[in-house]
Amino acid sequence: MNANVFLDRRGVWAFGLGCVAVTIGVLLHIPMFWMGKDMGFRLAGMPMDPGMIFGMFLIVAGIGIAAYGLLPQRVTQQIENASRISVHAPEDAPLGAAHWGLMAVLVVALVIDVMKPASLGFVMPGMVKEYGVPKATAALVPFFALIGTVTGSILWGIIADIYGRKASILLSAVVFVGTSICGAMPSLEWNIGMCFLMGAGAGGMLPVTYALLAETMPSKHRGWALVLVGGLGAVGGYFAASGFSAVLVPTFSWRILWLINLPTGLILILMGGLIPESAKFLLSRGRREEAVKMMARFGTRSSVLGEGEEDPEDVFVHGHHDGPQPKLWTAGLIGKTAALSIAAISWGLINFGLLLWLPNALVEQGYDMGTSSKLLAESSLIAFPTVFLCALMYSRWSTKWSLVTLVAVTLGGLLWILLLETKLGGSPVFPVALLIVGSNGLLAILLPFTSECYPLKVRGRATGWVAACTKGGGVLAQSLSITALVPPLGIAALMIMAPIAVALFLIVRYGTETRGLDLRDLEKQKQAA
């Protein structure tokens, strides 16, 4: 028997055993949750029984066993092999059923992924009420969840290089399943710790998804594919979170939004068979037959790099570069970097601030939690079809002006939220829908646009910097929460309008049009300039 086949089978059994252990560990927490049904599922202050403690041990052990099953052998040799391999799709390669199928699967994966942090806003009112703590104290939950996403963005990038794209997604799903025990935690402190782990699991999914798409999509289709998949995942995740909140929370309390991590995480694990592994990863492990089949499905080609030669696709995905110092703030790039950075920070303030504060703000305005969740779900549903329009605009009209349009729509949504707060905006459904349309479209376009309009040697670093700025805006927003300095919703909208307006002006002034040009053509233009 081939040694690689034996090791892979051993890995499958170890991964399966780890998944079973984590699932049993979570199920051992369900009796605790159900014991509170006659008290509105209030568990605050109740002691954890021996079954829960043993379940936590099983979860930790199960995640470790699953990671061991996914970890390839001879990692150092594999990384060295990967550095000499280039896998790419020809510029004019057609889209086939495999490409569309992969996009559909990754949309579902991102919906499940985005739903986790999006649920934070819907659990806050219930947590404040049940634990009897100030909102500033409860805000530690989303704050540490957001810190977890920053950690996960870095960690999962490393894991994706060692484990492979598919394996990192599967390990993320196992972590999701384990963190569902937040729904049975009797103390706020345990919720804070588990939400950090949930954020760590969720933080790396989007970069890994982008990496997998970038390695399988023809370059002329890559931009709109990233916009479409990222946008549908973001809007779908927020819709799923608000929908589950509207349907389930009135009956099962806020805790159910954590417990549904169990079935959704298991769905993601079962979908693993539909997610292909990177051909580059397979080739580096010596699994050439599988890699050839993979490349035949997606129309990609492989080549061996010469001494000192660098893979342009690897630069796009991972940000390899020459030179010790970043060059994002040189005279020729400072305007563009400032524009995209401010737009990213503003998005973080909206997504991890305003939209998380919104459910509680609606409750304070007299809406019950079920009604406010329904309003937000309706807003997300209205926003859903506009993602297709964003992808169409980006691929057929203009990359630069598509981004400008979405920034302007976001600005309009903030203005309408301000009017809503002053009682001039009418129903909250449409202003919230406009804000969700603008902010999710902004994020869906921002990272692909960033990756396309920077020189090759700093392209990866620029994309990573802008992605980090989105998290930085969220950390700033949650810092206001934990210091009890959250302004009223209208004032918050007014404050965010200022940097959004600055970003709009700077993108119009310094943005680069990239539609219809190959990344290498863009590089030649920049060098000529």
Protein backbone atom coordinates (compact mmCIF):
# COMPACT_ATOMS: atom_id res chain seq x y z
CA MET A 1 0.00 0.00 0.00
CA ASN A 2 1.26 3.48 -0.89
CA ALA A 3 2.52 5.30 2.21
CA ASN A 4 0.55 8.46 1.34
CA VAL A 5 -2.67 6.44 1.00
CA PHE A 6 -2.09 4.80 4.39
CA LEU A 7 -1.40 8.14 6.05
CA ASP A 8 -4.47 9.70 4.44
CA ARG A 9 -6.70 6.86 5.66
CA ARG A 10 -5.26 7.20 9.14
CA GLY A 11 -5.99 10.92 8.95
CA VAL A 12 -9.60 10.33 7.89
CA TRP A 13 -10.20 8.01 10.85
CA ALA A 14 -8.56 10.46 13.27
CA PHE A 15 -10.58 13.38 11.89
CA GLY A 16 -13.81 11.36 12.11
CA LEU A 17 -13.04 10.33 15.70
CA GLY A 18 -12.32 13.94 16.62
CA CYS A 19 -15.64 15.10 15.11
CA VAL A 20 -17.54 12.42 17.05
CA ALA A 21 -15.82 13.39 20.31
CA VAL A 22 -16.62 17.10 19.83
CA THR A 23 -20.25 16.34 18.93
CA ILE A 24 -20.72 14.12 22.01
CA GLY A 25 -19.09 16.80 24.15
CA VAL A 26 -21.61 19.36 22.93
CA LEU A 27 -24.58 17.00 23.37
CA LEU A 28 -23.59 16.48 27.02
CA HIS A 29 -24.37 20.19 27.54
CA ILE A 30 -27.90 19.99 26.15
CA PRO A 31 -29.50 18.59 29.37
CA MET A 32 -28.27 21.69 31.23
CA PHE A 33 -29.92 23.91 28.63
CA TRP A 34 -33.18 21.95 28.72
CA MET A 35 -33.35 22.04 32.53
CA GLY A 36 -34.00 25.77 32.23
CA LYS A 37 -37.05 25.46 29.95
CA ASP A 38 -39.51 26.27 32.75
CA MET A 39 -37.52 29.41 33.61
CA GLY A 40 -37.28 30.80 30.09
CA PHE A 41 -34.00 28.94 29.62
CA ARG A 42 -32.29 31.13 32.21
CA LEU A 43 -29.14 29.32 33.44
CA ALA A 44 -27.21 32.16 35.08
CA GLY A 45 -25.64 31.06 38.36
CA MET A 46 -26.38 27.35 37.96
CA PRO A 47 -23.43 25.01 38.70
CA MET A 48 -21.98 22.92 35.88
CA ASP A 49 -22.61 19.20 36.36
CA PRO A 50 -19.95 16.46 35.85
CA GLY A 51 -21.38 15.64 32.41
CA MET A 52 -20.72 19.20 31.20
CA ILE A 53 -17.17 19.19 32.55
CA PHE A 54 -16.47 15.84 30.87
CA GLY A 55 -18.07 17.21 27.69
CA MET A 56 -15.65 20.15 27.71
CA PHE A 57 -12.76 17.71 27.99
CA LEU A 58 -14.12 15.75 25.01
CA ILE A 59 -14.41 18.96 22.95
CA VAL A 60 -10.80 19.99 23.60
CA ALA A 61 -9.52 16.47 22.97
CA GLY A 62 -11.71 16.10 19.87
CA ILE A 63 -10.42 19.32 18.30
CA GLY A 64 -6.86 18.14 18.93
CA ILE A 65 -7.51 14.69 17.41
CA ALA A 66 -9.26 16.23 14.38
CA ALA A 67 -6.31 18.59 13.86
CA TYR A 68 -3.91 15.64 14.09
CA GLY A 69 -5.95 13.80 11.47
CA LEU A 70 -5.77 16.77 9.12
CA LEU A 71 -2.06 17.50 9.67
CA PRO A 72 0.04 16.15 6.78
CA GLN A 73 3.31 14.35 7.33
CA ARG A 74 6.70 15.78 6.29
CA VAL A 75 5.43 19.37 6.53
CA THR A 76 8.83 20.98 5.93
CA GLN A 77 9.35 19.01 2.73
CA GLN A 78 5.81 19.85 1.60
CA ILE A 79 6.31 23.61 2.07
CA GLU A 80 9.60 23.43 0.16
CA ASN A 81 7.90 21.52 -2.67
CA ALA A 82 5.03 24.04 -2.82
CA SER A 83 7.46 26.93 -3.25
CA ARG A 84 8.62 25.41 -6.55
CA ILE A 85 5.14 24.77 -7.98
CA SER A 86 2.89 27.20 -9.84
CA VAL A 87 -0.78 26.39 -10.52
CA HIS A 88 -2.90 28.78 -12.55
CA ALA A 89 -5.87 28.92 -14.91
CA PRO A 90 -5.34 30.34 -18.41
CA GLU A 91 -6.73 33.87 -18.81
CA ASP A 92 -9.34 32.77 -21.37
CA ALA A 93 -10.36 29.48 -19.68
CA PRO A 94 -14.15 29.01 -19.71
CA LEU A 95 -16.25 28.60 -16.58
CA GLY A 96 -17.62 25.08 -16.14
CA ALA A 97 -19.92 23.21 -13.78
CA ALA A 98 -17.01 22.65 -11.36
CA HIS A 99 -16.45 26.42 -11.00
CA TRP A 100 -20.14 27.17 -10.40
CA GLY A 101 -20.44 24.25 -7.99
CA LEU A 102 -17.44 25.45 -5.99
CA MET A 103 -18.85 28.98 -5.81
CA ALA A 104 -22.21 27.64 -4.55
CA VAL A 105 -20.56 25.50 -1.85
CA LEU A 106 -18.33 28.37 -0.69
CA VAL A 107 -21.33 30.72 -0.48
CA VAL A 108 -23.04 28.26 1.89
CA ALA A 109 -19.81 27.93 3.87
CA LEU A 110 -19.50 31.72 4.20
CA VAL A 111 -23.16 32.08 5.22
CA ILE A 112 -22.51 29.65 8.07
CA ASP A 113 -19.27 31.45 8.90
CA VAL A 114 -20.66 35.01 8.84
CA MET A 115 -23.74 33.95 10.83
CA LYS A 116 -21.58 33.34 13.94
CA PRO A 117 -20.30 36.89 14.54
CA ALA A 118 -23.51 38.38 13.11
CA SER A 119 -25.44 36.66 15.93
CA LEU A 120 -23.57 38.73 18.52
CA GLY A 121 -25.91 41.68 18.14
CA PHE A 122 -28.96 39.50 18.67
CA VAL A 123 -27.71 37.81 21.86
CA MET A 124 -26.67 41.02 23.61
CA PRO A 125 -30.11 42.15 24.89
CA GLY A 126 -30.81 38.69 26.35
CA MET A 127 -27.37 38.40 27.94
CA VAL A 128 -27.65 41.82 29.57
CA LYS A 129 -31.04 40.87 31.01
CA GLU A 130 -30.16 37.34 32.17
CA TYR A 131 -26.76 38.05 33.70
CA GLY A 132 -27.88 41.37 35.16
CA VAL A 133 -24.78 43.22 34.03
CA PRO A 134 -24.35 46.64 32.40
CA LYS A 135 -24.18 46.73 28.61
CA ALA A 136 -20.54 47.79 28.89
CA THR A 137 -19.71 44.54 30.71
CA ALA A 138 -21.70 42.41 28.26
CA ALA A 139 -19.85 44.13 25.42
CA LEU A 140 -16.78 42.12 26.43
CA VAL A 141 -18.39 39.21 24.55
CA PRO A 142 -18.29 40.81 21.05
CA PHE A 143 -15.00 42.55 21.92
CA PHE A 144 -13.19 39.27 22.59
CA ALA A 145 -15.00 37.59 19.71
CA LEU A 146 -13.57 40.29 17.45
CA ILE A 147 -10.10 39.87 18.93
CA GLY A 148 -10.59 36.19 18.12
CA THR A 149 -11.33 36.99 14.47
CA VAL A 150 -8.08 38.98 14.23
CA THR A 151 -6.20 36.04 15.75
CA GLY A 152 -8.02 33.61 13.46
CA SER A 153 -7.21 35.63 10.36
CA ILE A 154 -3.50 35.19 11.09
CA LEU A 155 -3.69 31.64 12.45
CA TRP A 156 -5.90 30.24 9.70
CA GLY A 157 -3.64 31.69 7.02
CA ILE A 158 -0.79 29.62 8.49
CA ILE A 159 -3.02 26.57 8.88
CA ALA A 160 -4.20 26.86 5.27
CA ASP A 161 -0.59 26.69 4.08
CA ILE A 162 0.19 23.64 6.23
CA TYR A 163 -3.11 21.73 6.21
CA GLY A 164 -4.42 22.86 2.83
CA ARG A 165 -7.48 24.98 1.95
CA LYS A 166 -10.07 22.25 2.41
CA ALA A 167 -8.60 20.97 5.64
CA SER A 168 -8.50 24.46 7.20
CA ILE A 169 -12.20 24.95 6.40
CA LEU A 170 -13.02 21.58 7.98
CA LEU A 171 -11.01 22.37 11.12
CA SER A 172 -12.80 25.70 11.37
CA ALA A 173 -16.12 23.82 11.24
CA VAL A 174 -15.02 21.53 14.10
CA VAL A 175 -14.24 24.62 16.19
CA PHE A 176 -17.71 25.99 15.35
CA VAL A 177 -19.32 22.81 16.64
CA GLY A 178 -17.33 22.97 19.87
CA THR A 179 -18.17 26.62 20.58
CA SER A 180 -21.91 25.90 20.41
CA ILE A 181 -21.69 25.11 24.15
CA CYS A 182 -21.86 28.88 24.71
CA GLY A 183 -25.61 28.29 24.67
CA ALA A 184 -25.36 26.27 27.91
CA MET A 185 -22.75 28.29 29.78
CA PRO A 186 -24.13 29.51 33.14
CA SER A 187 -21.59 32.33 33.53
CA LEU A 188 -20.70 35.37 31.45
CA GLU A 189 -16.97 34.62 31.84
CA TRP A 190 -17.32 31.26 30.08
CA ASN A 191 -19.24 32.94 27.27
CA ILE A 192 -16.46 35.46 26.80
CA GLY A 193 -13.83 32.73 26.53
CA MET A 194 -15.84 30.56 24.15
CA CYS A 195 -16.71 33.56 21.95
CA PHE A 196 -13.00 34.25 21.55
CA LEU A 197 -12.61 30.69 20.22
CA MET A 198 -15.64 31.14 17.97
CA GLY A 199 -14.10 34.30 16.53
CA ALA A 200 -10.80 32.48 15.99
CA GLY A 201 -12.65 29.82 14.01
CA ALA A 202 -14.64 32.32 11.98
CA GLY A 203 -11.86 34.84 11.33
CA GLY A 204 -9.94 32.85 8.76
CA MET A 205 -12.76 31.52 6.59
CA LEU A 206 -13.00 34.47 4.20
CA PRO A 207 -9.24 34.67 3.40
CA VAL A 208 -9.11 30.88 2.88
CA THR A 209 -12.17 31.08 0.62
CA TYR A 210 -10.54 33.86 -1.42
CA ALA A 211 -7.35 31.81 -1.66
CA LEU A 212 -9.19 28.70 -2.91
CA LEU A 213 -11.14 30.71 -5.49
CA ALA A 214 -8.02 32.53 -6.64
CA GLU A 215 -6.30 29.19 -7.28
CA THR A 216 -9.18 27.73 -9.32
CA MET A 217 -10.85 30.63 -11.18
CA PRO A 218 -9.58 31.99 -14.52
CA SER A 219 -8.11 35.43 -13.80
CA LYS A 220 -10.62 37.30 -15.99
CA HIS A 221 -13.47 35.86 -13.87
CA ARG A 222 -11.73 36.10 -10.52
CA GLY A 223 -12.79 39.62 -9.54
CA TRP A 224 -16.54 39.27 -9.99
CA ALA A 225 -16.47 35.72 -8.55
CA LEU A 226 -14.88 37.01 -5.33
CA VAL A 227 -17.41 39.87 -5.20
CA LEU A 228 -20.35 37.53 -5.71
CA VAL A 229 -19.27 34.81 -3.27
CA GLY A 230 -18.16 37.27 -0.59
CA GLY A 231 -21.28 39.43 -0.96
CA LEU A 232 -23.76 36.55 -0.92
CA GLY A 233 -22.00 35.03 2.07
CA ALA A 234 -22.08 38.30 4.02
CA VAL A 235 -25.72 39.19 3.31
CA GLY A 236 -26.83 35.56 3.68
CA GLY A 237 -25.05 35.23 7.01
CA TYR A 238 -26.70 38.35 8.42
CA PHE A 239 -30.08 37.20 7.09
CA ALA A 240 -29.61 33.75 8.68
CA ALA A 241 -28.65 35.29 12.04
CA SER A 242 -31.59 37.70 12.07
CA GLY A 243 -33.98 35.04 10.75
CA PHE A 244 -33.04 32.47 13.38
CA SER A 245 -33.30 35.19 16.01
CA ALA A 246 -36.81 36.14 14.88
CA VAL A 247 -38.03 32.54 14.77
CA LEU A 248 -36.23 30.83 17.65
CA VAL A 249 -35.24 33.39 20.29
CA PRO A 250 -38.81 34.18 21.48
CA THR A 251 -39.22 30.49 22.40
CA PHE A 252 -35.73 29.27 23.29
CA SER A 253 -34.04 32.53 24.42
CA TRP A 254 -30.82 34.05 23.11
CA ARG A 255 -28.93 30.85 23.94
CA ILE A 256 -30.33 29.01 20.94
CA LEU A 257 -28.29 31.24 18.61
CA TRP A 258 -25.13 29.63 20.01
CA LEU A 259 -26.52 26.08 20.11
CA ILE A 260 -27.33 26.13 16.38
CA ASN A 261 -23.57 26.16 15.81
CA LEU A 262 -23.86 22.40 16.34
CA PRO A 263 -26.06 21.57 13.31
CA THR A 264 -24.59 24.29 11.08
CA GLY A 265 -21.03 23.23 11.90
CA LEU A 266 -21.89 19.59 11.16
CA ILE A 267 -23.42 20.67 7.84
CA LEU A 268 -20.16 22.40 6.96
CA ILE A 269 -18.19 19.26 7.85
CA LEU A 270 -20.48 17.09 5.70
CA MET A 271 -20.04 19.55 2.84
CA GLY A 272 -16.31 18.83 2.96
CA GLY A 273 -16.73 16.21 0.27
CA LEU A 274 -17.88 18.95 -2.13
CA ILE A 275 -14.93 21.24 -1.43
CA PRO A 276 -11.88 20.44 -3.58
CA GLU A 277 -8.36 20.61 -2.25
CA SER A 278 -5.88 22.98 -3.85
CA ALA A 279 -4.00 21.29 -6.72
CA LYS A 280 -0.82 22.98 -5.52
CA PHE A 281 -1.25 21.41 -2.08
CA LEU A 282 -1.88 17.96 -3.62
CA LEU A 283 1.18 18.22 -5.84
CA SER A 284 3.38 19.27 -2.93
CA ARG A 285 2.27 16.12 -1.05
CA GLY A 286 3.05 13.87 -3.98
CA ARG A 287 -0.61 13.15 -4.75
CA ARG A 288 -0.16 13.78 -8.44
CA GLU A 289 -3.05 11.63 -9.68
CA GLU A 290 -5.55 13.54 -7.54
CA ALA A 291 -4.00 16.84 -8.58
CA VAL A 292 -4.29 15.98 -12.28
CA LYS A 293 -8.01 15.18 -11.84
CA MET A 294 -8.49 18.40 -9.90
CA MET A 295 -6.76 20.48 -12.61
CA ALA A 296 -8.79 18.74 -15.35
CA ARG A 297 -12.03 19.70 -13.56
CA PHE A 298 -11.10 23.36 -13.22
CA GLY A 299 -9.02 23.85 -16.36
CA THR A 300 -5.89 24.80 -14.43
CA ARG A 301 -2.26 24.05 -15.31
CA SER A 302 0.85 23.47 -13.26
CA SER A 303 4.50 24.27 -13.83
CA VAL A 304 7.76 23.99 -11.92
CA LEU A 305 9.40 27.33 -11.08
CA GLY A 306 13.05 27.92 -11.86
CA GLU A 307 15.69 28.99 -9.36
CA GLY A 308 14.78 32.40 -7.91
CA GLU A 309 11.50 32.55 -9.88
CA GLU A 310 8.40 33.68 -7.97
CA ASP A 311 4.86 32.50 -8.60
CA PRO A 312 2.61 35.52 -9.44
CA GLU A 313 -0.47 33.65 -8.25
CA ASP A 314 1.22 32.88 -4.94
CA VAL A 315 2.03 36.56 -4.58
CA PHE A 316 -1.64 37.37 -5.14
CA VAL A 317 -2.86 34.89 -2.55
CA HIS A 318 -0.22 35.00 0.17
CA GLY A 319 1.57 38.29 -0.24
CA HIS A 320 5.14 37.09 -0.83
CA HIS A 321 7.36 40.01 -1.76
CA ASP A 322 10.86 41.25 -2.25
CA GLY A 323 12.42 43.82 0.02
CA PRO A 324 12.30 44.13 3.80
CA GLN A 325 10.03 47.16 4.14
CA PRO A 326 6.41 47.82 3.12
CA LYS A 327 5.95 50.43 0.41
CA LEU A 328 2.26 51.19 0.79
CA TRP A 329 2.82 54.77 1.90
CA THR A 330 5.16 55.98 -0.84
CA ALA A 331 4.26 59.13 -2.75
CA GLY A 332 2.64 57.21 -5.61
CA LEU A 333 0.45 55.04 -3.37
CA ILE A 334 -0.29 57.06 -0.25
CA GLY A 335 -3.57 58.51 -1.55
CA LYS A 336 -4.88 55.12 -2.63
CA THR A 337 -3.76 53.43 0.60
CA ALA A 338 -5.38 56.15 2.71
CA ALA A 339 -8.64 55.89 0.72
CA LEU A 340 -8.95 52.13 1.06
CA SER A 341 -7.80 52.09 4.69
CA ILE A 342 -10.38 54.68 5.75
CA ALA A 343 -13.11 52.83 3.84
CA ALA A 344 -12.11 49.58 5.59
CA ILE A 345 -12.08 51.16 9.06
CA SER A 346 -15.49 52.71 8.37
CA TRP A 347 -16.85 49.30 7.34
CA GLY A 348 -15.57 47.83 10.61
CA LEU A 349 -17.31 50.61 12.57
CA ILE A 350 -20.57 49.78 10.77
CA ASN A 351 -20.45 45.99 10.80
CA PHE A 352 -18.97 45.43 14.26
CA GLY A 353 -20.44 48.55 15.81
CA LEU A 354 -23.60 50.06 14.35
CA LEU A 355 -25.17 46.78 13.18
CA LEU A 356 -24.36 45.07 16.49
CA TRP A 357 -25.84 47.98 18.44
CA LEU A 358 -28.92 48.12 16.23
CA PRO A 359 -30.99 45.23 17.75
CA ASN A 360 -30.57 46.63 21.26
CA ALA A 361 -31.33 50.16 20.02
CA LEU A 362 -34.59 48.97 18.42
CA VAL A 363 -35.54 47.23 21.68
CA GLU A 364 -34.91 50.49 23.56
CA GLN A 365 -37.16 52.28 21.04
CA GLY A 366 -40.06 50.02 22.02
CA TYR A 367 -39.73 47.05 19.66
CA ASP A 368 -39.63 43.61 21.27
CA MET A 369 -36.71 41.35 20.37
CA GLY A 370 -38.79 39.18 18.02
CA THR A 371 -40.09 42.19 16.10
CA SER A 372 -36.69 43.87 15.84
CA SER A 373 -35.14 40.60 14.58
CA LYS A 374 -37.93 40.30 12.02
CA LEU A 375 -37.29 43.86 10.83
CA LEU A 376 -33.59 43.13 10.40
CA ALA A 377 -34.30 39.84 8.62
CA GLU A 378 -36.63 41.67 6.19
CA SER A 379 -33.91 44.27 5.61
CA SER A 380 -31.36 41.54 4.83
CA LEU A 381 -33.80 39.83 2.47
CA ILE A 382 -34.28 43.08 0.55
CA ALA A 383 -30.49 43.46 0.33
CA PHE A 384 -29.88 39.91 -0.91
CA PRO A 385 -30.50 40.30 -4.68
CA THR A 386 -28.37 43.44 -4.87
CA VAL A 387 -25.23 41.31 -4.43
CA PHE A 388 -25.71 40.05 -8.00
CA LEU A 389 -25.94 43.65 -9.16
CA CYS A 390 -22.64 44.42 -7.39
CA ALA A 391 -20.89 41.54 -9.17
CA LEU A 392 -22.38 42.62 -12.50
CA MET A 393 -21.29 46.22 -11.97
CA TYR A 394 -17.79 45.16 -11.00
CA SER A 395 -17.26 42.87 -14.00
CA ARG A 396 -19.19 44.70 -16.74
CA TRP A 397 -19.18 48.38 -15.83
CA SER A 398 -16.26 49.61 -13.72
CA THR A 399 -14.26 48.33 -10.76
CA LYS A 400 -13.44 51.81 -9.46
CA TRP A 401 -16.88 53.32 -9.91
CA SER A 402 -18.59 50.22 -8.51
CA LEU A 403 -16.64 50.79 -5.29
CA VAL A 404 -17.50 54.51 -5.38
CA THR A 405 -21.19 53.65 -5.83
CA LEU A 406 -21.24 51.24 -2.88
CA VAL A 407 -19.46 53.76 -0.63
CA ALA A 408 -22.09 56.33 -1.65
CA VAL A 409 -24.93 53.87 -0.93
CA THR A 410 -23.42 53.20 2.51
CA LEU A 411 -23.28 56.95 3.12
CA GLY A 412 -26.95 57.18 2.13
CA GLY A 413 -27.86 54.37 4.53
CA LEU A 414 -26.10 56.15 7.40
CA LEU A 415 -27.93 59.38 6.55
CA TRP A 416 -31.28 57.53 6.59
CA ILE A 417 -30.41 55.93 9.96
CA LEU A 418 -29.75 59.46 11.25
CA LEU A 419 -33.16 60.58 9.96
CA LEU A 420 -34.74 57.49 11.55
CA GLU A 421 -33.31 58.49 14.90
CA THR A 422 -34.79 61.97 14.49
CA LYS A 423 -38.23 60.41 13.72
CA LEU A 424 -38.11 61.58 10.08
CA GLY A 425 -37.05 58.27 8.51
CA GLY A 426 -40.28 56.25 8.79
CA SER A 427 -40.02 52.45 9.10
CA PRO A 428 -36.51 51.11 9.92
CA VAL A 429 -36.75 48.34 7.28
CA PHE A 430 -35.57 50.32 4.26
CA PRO A 431 -32.82 52.43 5.90
CA VAL A 432 -31.36 49.29 7.49
CA ALA A 433 -31.66 47.46 4.15
CA LEU A 434 -29.85 50.32 2.40
CA LEU A 435 -27.08 50.24 5.01
CA ILE A 436 -26.72 46.45 4.71
CA VAL A 437 -26.66 46.72 0.89
CA GLY A 438 -23.98 49.39 0.99
CA SER A 439 -21.76 47.92 3.71
CA ASN A 440 -21.82 44.32 2.46
CA GLY A 441 -21.32 45.42 -1.14
CA LEU A 442 -18.48 47.66 0.03
CA LEU A 443 -16.67 44.75 1.70
CA ALA A 444 -17.35 42.38 -1.21
CA ILE A 445 -15.70 44.80 -3.65
CA LEU A 446 -13.05 46.36 -1.38
CA LEU A 447 -10.66 43.41 -1.02
CA PRO A 448 -10.74 42.22 -4.66
CA PHE A 449 -10.29 45.84 -5.79
CA THR A 450 -7.36 46.30 -3.41
CA SER A 451 -5.66 43.15 -4.66
CA GLU A 452 -5.97 44.30 -8.27
CA CYS A 453 -4.78 47.90 -8.06
CA TYR A 454 -1.44 47.55 -6.24
CA PRO A 455 1.97 46.67 -7.69
CA LEU A 456 2.84 42.99 -7.64
CA LYS A 457 5.48 43.20 -4.90
CA VAL A 458 3.15 44.82 -2.34
CA ARG A 459 -0.19 43.46 -3.56
CA GLY A 460 -0.54 40.78 -0.90
CA ARG A 461 0.63 43.11 1.86
CA ALA A 462 -1.83 45.77 0.72
CA THR A 463 -4.74 43.33 0.77
CA GLY A 464 -3.73 42.11 4.23
CA TRP A 465 -3.43 45.68 5.50
CA VAL A 466 -6.90 46.65 4.27
CA ALA A 467 -8.39 43.44 5.70
CA ALA A 468 -6.75 44.25 9.05
CA CYS A 469 -8.28 47.75 8.92
CA THR A 470 -11.78 46.23 8.76
CA LYS A 471 -11.03 44.44 12.05
CA GLY A 472 -9.43 47.59 13.45
CA GLY A 473 -12.66 49.51 12.93
CA GLY A 474 -14.49 46.77 14.81
CA VAL A 475 -12.05 46.86 17.73
CA LEU A 476 -12.53 50.64 17.93
CA ALA A 477 -16.32 50.25 17.95
CA GLN A 478 -16.28 47.61 20.69
CA SER A 479 -13.83 49.68 22.72
CA LEU A 480 -16.60 52.26 22.90
CA SER A 481 -18.97 49.53 24.09
CA ILE A 482 -16.82 48.22 26.94
CA THR A 483 -16.10 51.76 28.16
CA ALA A 484 -19.84 52.60 28.11
CA LEU A 485 -19.27 55.39 25.59
CA VAL A 486 -21.60 54.11 22.86
CA PRO A 487 -23.43 57.15 21.45
CA PRO A 488 -27.10 57.10 20.44
CA LEU A 489 -27.69 55.38 17.12
CA GLY A 490 -28.17 58.63 15.18
CA ILE A 491 -25.01 60.18 16.62
CA ALA A 492 -23.07 57.00 15.82
CA ALA A 493 -24.32 57.16 12.23
CA LEU A 494 -23.32 60.82 12.00
CA MET A 495 -19.82 60.07 13.35
CA ILE A 496 -19.24 57.28 10.81
CA MET A 497 -20.51 59.45 7.95
CA ALA A 498 -17.43 61.67 8.26
CA PRO A 499 -14.76 59.02 7.42
CA ILE A 500 -17.06 57.44 4.80
CA ALA A 501 -17.33 60.83 3.05
CA VAL A 502 -13.53 61.26 3.18
CA ALA A 503 -13.05 57.76 1.74
CA LEU A 504 -15.51 58.54 -1.05
CA PHE A 505 -13.56 61.65 -2.06
CA LEU A 506 -10.18 59.87 -1.92
CA ILE A 507 -11.34 56.85 -3.95
CA VAL A 508 -12.71 59.17 -6.65
CA ARG A 509 -9.38 61.02 -6.65
CA TYR A 510 -6.87 58.18 -6.35
CA GLY A 511 -8.73 54.98 -7.30
CA THR A 512 -7.48 52.91 -10.26
CA GLU A 513 -9.72 51.42 -12.96
CA THR A 514 -8.83 47.72 -13.37
CA ARG A 515 -11.73 46.26 -15.38
CA GLY A 516 -10.78 44.16 -18.37
CA LEU A 517 -7.05 44.13 -17.61
CA ASP A 518 -4.95 41.18 -16.53
CA LEU A 519 -3.02 41.70 -13.30
CA ARG A 520 0.24 41.55 -15.23
CA ASP A 521 -1.02 44.25 -17.62
CA LEU A 522 -1.77 46.43 -14.62
CA GLU A 523 1.74 45.82 -13.35
CA LYS A 524 3.21 47.00 -16.66
CA GLN A 525 1.07 50.15 -16.54
CA LYS A 526 2.34 50.98 -13.04
CA GLN A 527 5.93 50.39 -14.04
CA ALA A 528 5.49 52.64 -17.10
CA ALA A 529 3.96 55.32 -14.90
